[in-house]
Amino acid sequence: MVSERVAIIFHGIGTPGPAVPEGERRYWISPARYAAVLDRILALPDPRAVRITFDDGNISDLSIGLPGLVQRGLTADFFVLTGRLGQPGSLAAEDVRALRAAGMRIGSHGIDHRPWPTLDPETLWAELSGSRLRLTAICGGPVTEAGIPFGSYDARVLRDLRRAGYVRAWSSDGGRIGGDGFLLPRASITADMDDAALDAVLAGEMAPLRRLRRSLGMLRKQMSGRLSA
C-alpha cells in the first residue's frame, strides 16, 4: 500500500567516477546537497508524504545515502542493477543485505542499465526476471518492486513486469502519486535543481498544462507496443 504523495529519486552522491556517462552526471549531487534535501523533507508537515528512492546501486547508497537516512529516521527504496553488483563504485551483495538489515526496501533496476522498450523479448525477460531472482536470493525474501531505467516503458514492459512477479513499477514521470496502482511516478533530484524547484517537486506541483501532458504521455506509453505484443 502506497500512502505517500510524491516520490523522488537519488542516483549518485559525491563525485561521479570516470565510468559514469556525461549525460548522467547531472544526476549526481554533493553530500551537502543530499543532506539538505533530507532536512527539507523532515521540515515538511508530514515527511512520510515523500517516498525516497535510489536508482542504479552506486556504493554511495551505502556510504552516504544510508547514514543520512538512519540519522533522520527515514527509510527508502533502493533499486539495484544486479549486473553491476561487486563492480568498482557499485554495491556488492553484502551491501544490499546491509541496506535491507537497516530497514530499507530493495527493488530491481534490471541487470544492465538499458531502456527496456528497446530490448528483444528474451533479453527483456532476462532483465526483469533474472534481476528479481538474484535479488530475492541475496535478500532471502521477496523483491516485488521495480524502478524503471530512464523512466522508459511501454505496454509490453508493464505486461512483462507483472508476469515476472512485480506488484509495482516506479517511473520517472514526476508529479503526484494518484493512488495505489501498478505504475507510479517519481521525480529525479538533480545537481542543477534550486530550492524553489525542489520545493515544487516535494509538493508534487505541476503547471496544469504540464500535468495534462504528463497524464497523456503516461497513457500513450502504456498503450504503445500493445498491438505488437
Protein backbone atom coordinates (compact mmCIF):
# COMPACT_ATOMS: atom_id res chain seq x y z
CA MET A 1 0.00 0.00 0.00
CA VAL A 2 1.39 3.39 -1.04
CA SER A 3 0.39 6.31 1.19
CA GLU A 4 2.96 8.85 0.01
CA ARG A 5 2.03 11.94 -2.01
CA VAL A 6 5.20 12.12 -4.11
CA ALA A 7 8.29 10.02 -4.78
CA ILE A 8 11.81 11.25 -5.51
CA ILE A 9 14.89 9.58 -6.97
CA PHE A 10 18.51 9.94 -5.92
CA HIS A 11 21.13 8.44 -8.22
CA GLY A 12 24.69 9.10 -7.07
CA ILE A 13 26.03 11.17 -4.18
CA GLY A 14 29.50 12.69 -4.36
CA THR A 15 31.82 12.85 -7.36
CA PRO A 16 30.86 10.55 -10.25
CA GLY A 17 33.58 8.16 -11.36
CA PRO A 18 35.06 8.11 -14.85
CA ALA A 19 32.73 5.30 -15.92
CA VAL A 20 29.65 7.49 -15.41
CA PRO A 21 28.44 8.79 -18.81
CA GLU A 22 28.43 12.54 -19.31
CA GLY A 23 24.66 12.61 -19.69
CA GLU A 24 24.19 11.04 -16.25
CA ARG A 25 26.49 13.35 -14.29
CA ARG A 26 23.78 15.93 -13.62
CA TYR A 27 22.00 13.27 -11.56
CA TRP A 28 24.88 13.16 -9.07
CA ILE A 29 24.59 15.58 -6.16
CA SER A 30 27.03 16.61 -3.43
CA PRO A 31 26.81 15.11 0.07
CA ALA A 32 25.89 18.56 1.40
CA ARG A 33 23.03 18.88 -1.06
CA TYR A 34 21.82 15.38 -0.22
CA ALA A 35 21.73 16.27 3.49
CA ALA A 36 19.89 19.50 2.67
CA VAL A 37 17.24 17.63 0.68
CA LEU A 38 16.64 15.20 3.54
CA ASP A 39 16.40 18.08 6.00
CA ARG A 40 13.90 19.80 3.73
CA ILE A 41 11.81 16.61 3.76
CA LEU A 42 11.98 16.48 7.56
CA ALA A 43 10.74 20.08 7.71
CA LEU A 44 7.54 19.19 5.83
CA PRO A 45 4.31 18.93 7.84
CA ASP A 46 4.38 15.19 7.13
CA PRO A 47 7.78 13.85 5.99
CA ARG A 48 6.14 10.48 5.37
CA ALA A 49 4.36 12.04 2.39
CA VAL A 50 7.61 11.74 0.40
CA ARG A 51 8.78 8.33 -0.76
CA ILE A 52 12.57 8.32 -1.13
CA THR A 53 14.15 6.06 -3.73
CA PHE A 54 17.64 5.39 -5.07
CA ASP A 55 18.43 4.03 -8.54
CA ASP A 56 21.48 2.25 -10.02
CA GLY A 57 23.07 0.68 -6.92
CA ASN A 58 26.03 3.03 -6.53
CA ILE A 59 28.25 2.48 -3.49
CA SER A 60 27.31 5.97 -2.30
CA ASP A 61 23.88 4.48 -1.50
CA LEU A 62 25.55 2.67 1.39
CA SER A 63 28.37 5.02 2.34
CA ILE A 64 26.41 8.30 2.23
CA GLY A 65 22.77 7.54 1.48
CA LEU A 66 22.10 5.09 4.30
CA PRO A 67 23.75 7.06 7.17
CA GLY A 68 21.82 10.18 6.19
CA LEU A 69 18.53 8.27 6.27
CA VAL A 70 19.22 6.46 9.55
CA GLN A 71 20.33 9.68 11.24
CA ARG A 72 16.96 11.24 10.43
CA GLY A 73 14.75 8.20 10.98
CA LEU A 74 13.85 7.96 7.29
CA THR A 75 13.58 4.92 5.03
CA ALA A 76 13.99 4.45 1.28
CA ASP A 77 13.70 2.02 -1.63
CA PHE A 78 16.98 1.00 -3.30
CA PHE A 79 16.55 -0.16 -6.90
CA VAL A 80 19.66 -2.14 -7.74
CA LEU A 81 21.31 -3.08 -11.04
CA THR A 82 22.36 -6.69 -10.49
CA GLY A 83 24.79 -6.63 -13.41
CA ARG A 84 26.92 -4.11 -11.53
CA LEU A 85 26.98 -5.91 -8.18
CA GLY A 86 30.55 -6.17 -6.91
CA GLN A 87 31.98 -3.85 -9.55
CA PRO A 88 34.10 -0.83 -8.54
CA GLY A 89 31.85 2.01 -7.44
CA SER A 90 28.80 -0.24 -7.10
CA LEU A 91 27.15 -2.14 -4.28
CA ALA A 92 28.09 -5.74 -3.57
CA ALA A 93 25.69 -8.45 -2.45
CA GLU A 94 26.63 -7.97 1.20
CA ASP A 95 25.93 -4.24 0.85
CA VAL A 96 22.42 -4.98 -0.41
CA ARG A 97 21.89 -7.20 2.62
CA ALA A 98 23.20 -4.42 4.89
CA LEU A 99 20.69 -1.96 3.43
CA ARG A 100 17.86 -4.42 3.99
CA ALA A 101 19.03 -5.18 7.53
CA ALA A 102 18.91 -1.45 8.25
CA GLY A 103 15.21 -1.42 7.39
CA MET A 104 15.46 -0.28 3.78
CA ARG A 105 13.44 -1.76 0.91
CA ILE A 106 15.21 -3.45 -2.02
CA GLY A 107 13.90 -3.44 -5.58
CA SER A 108 15.16 -4.20 -9.06
CA HIS A 109 16.53 -1.79 -11.65
CA GLY A 110 17.25 -4.66 -14.03
CA ILE A 111 20.59 -6.25 -14.86
CA ASP A 112 22.21 -3.70 -17.15
CA HIS A 113 21.33 -0.04 -17.46
CA ARG A 114 19.33 -0.18 -20.68
CA PRO A 115 15.95 1.20 -21.81
CA TRP A 116 13.62 -1.76 -21.54
CA PRO A 117 11.33 -0.99 -24.54
CA THR A 118 14.32 -1.33 -26.90
CA LEU A 119 15.10 -4.91 -25.85
CA ASP A 120 14.01 -8.04 -27.68
CA PRO A 121 11.57 -10.30 -25.78
CA GLU A 122 14.17 -12.75 -24.46
CA THR A 123 16.54 -10.03 -23.27
CA LEU A 124 13.74 -8.07 -21.62
CA TRP A 125 12.55 -11.16 -19.78
CA ALA A 126 16.10 -11.85 -18.56
CA GLU A 127 16.38 -8.26 -17.30
CA LEU A 128 13.12 -8.42 -15.38
CA SER A 129 13.01 -11.98 -14.08
CA GLY A 130 16.76 -12.59 -13.74
CA SER A 131 17.40 -9.49 -11.67
CA ARG A 132 14.43 -10.22 -9.41
CA LEU A 133 15.51 -13.81 -8.82
CA ARG A 134 19.05 -12.77 -7.94
CA LEU A 135 17.94 -10.05 -5.55
CA THR A 136 15.44 -12.41 -3.92
CA ALA A 137 18.27 -14.88 -3.30
CA ILE A 138 20.52 -12.15 -1.90
CA CYS A 139 17.84 -10.70 0.36
CA GLY A 140 16.36 -14.01 1.45
CA GLY A 141 12.90 -12.59 0.90
CA PRO A 142 10.57 -11.33 -1.83
CA VAL A 143 11.58 -8.49 -4.16
CA THR A 144 8.39 -7.23 -5.79
CA GLU A 145 9.02 -3.65 -6.93
CA ALA A 146 10.99 -2.24 -9.87
CA GLY A 147 12.46 1.16 -10.68
CA ILE A 148 12.28 1.61 -14.46
CA PRO A 149 15.63 2.65 -16.04
CA PHE A 150 15.43 6.08 -17.71
CA GLY A 151 11.70 6.03 -16.94
CA SER A 152 11.32 4.27 -20.28
CA TYR A 153 8.39 1.86 -20.59
CA ASP A 154 5.55 0.73 -22.81
CA ALA A 155 2.67 -1.75 -22.59
CA ARG A 156 4.96 -4.72 -23.28
CA VAL A 157 7.32 -3.73 -20.46
CA LEU A 158 4.49 -3.30 -17.98
CA ARG A 159 2.93 -6.63 -19.00
CA ASP A 160 6.23 -8.47 -18.55
CA LEU A 161 6.89 -6.78 -15.21
CA ARG A 162 3.59 -8.18 -13.94
CA ARG A 163 4.33 -11.57 -15.46
CA ALA A 164 7.74 -11.64 -13.74
CA GLY A 165 6.09 -11.20 -10.34
CA TYR A 166 6.38 -7.49 -9.66
CA VAL A 167 3.47 -5.82 -7.92
CA ARG A 168 4.59 -2.21 -8.54
CA ALA A 169 6.74 -0.29 -11.02
CA TRP A 170 8.12 3.20 -10.49
CA SER A 171 8.57 5.52 -13.49
CA SER A 172 10.19 8.95 -13.82
CA ASP A 173 7.06 10.79 -14.93
CA GLY A 174 7.05 13.22 -11.99
CA GLY A 175 4.12 14.77 -10.18
CA ARG A 176 1.83 13.46 -7.50
CA ILE A 177 1.12 9.82 -6.81
CA GLY A 178 -2.53 9.48 -7.79
CA GLY A 179 -3.37 6.25 -5.99
CA ASP A 180 -2.10 2.75 -5.38
CA GLY A 181 -1.87 1.48 -8.94
CA PHE A 182 0.76 -0.71 -10.57
CA LEU A 183 2.62 2.17 -12.27
CA LEU A 184 3.56 5.12 -10.06
CA PRO A 185 5.51 8.33 -10.85
CA ARG A 186 8.73 9.65 -9.39
CA ALA A 187 10.90 12.73 -9.98
CA SER A 188 14.71 12.85 -10.06
CA ILE A 189 16.75 15.15 -7.83
CA THR A 190 19.46 16.76 -9.97
CA ALA A 191 22.55 18.85 -9.31
CA ASP A 192 21.08 21.89 -11.10
CA MET A 193 17.84 21.90 -9.09
CA ASP A 194 17.47 25.02 -6.92
CA ASP A 195 15.44 25.21 -3.71
CA ALA A 196 12.33 26.54 -5.44
CA ALA A 197 12.35 23.68 -7.94
CA LEU A 198 13.00 21.19 -5.14
CA ASP A 199 10.07 22.51 -3.11
CA ALA A 200 7.82 22.16 -6.17
CA VAL A 201 8.92 18.53 -6.61
CA LEU A 202 8.35 17.74 -2.92
CA ALA A 203 4.88 19.27 -3.17
CA GLY A 204 4.11 17.36 -6.37
CA GLU A 205 3.37 20.65 -8.09
CA MET A 206 2.97 20.86 -11.87
CA ALA A 207 1.55 23.57 -14.07
CA PRO A 208 -1.87 22.48 -15.41
CA LEU A 209 -0.63 22.13 -18.99
CA ARG A 210 2.41 20.13 -17.93
CA ARG A 211 0.24 17.91 -15.74
CA LEU A 212 -2.05 17.25 -18.68
CA ARG A 213 0.90 16.44 -20.92
CA ARG A 214 2.29 14.08 -18.27
CA SER A 215 -1.03 12.24 -17.98
CA LEU A 216 -1.38 11.92 -21.74
CA GLY A 217 2.24 10.81 -22.04
CA MET A 218 1.80 8.11 -19.41
CA LEU A 219 -1.34 6.87 -21.16
CA ARG A 220 0.39 6.86 -24.55
CA LYS A 221 3.36 4.89 -23.21
CA GLN A 222 1.08 2.37 -21.52
CA MET A 223 -0.73 1.81 -24.79
CA SER A 224 2.33 1.76 -27.08
CA GLY A 225 3.53 -1.69 -28.01
CA ARG A 226 0.17 -3.24 -27.16
CA LEU A 227 -0.75 -4.00 -30.74
CA SER A 228 2.55 -5.79 -31.36
CA ALA A 229 2.57 -7.65 -28.04
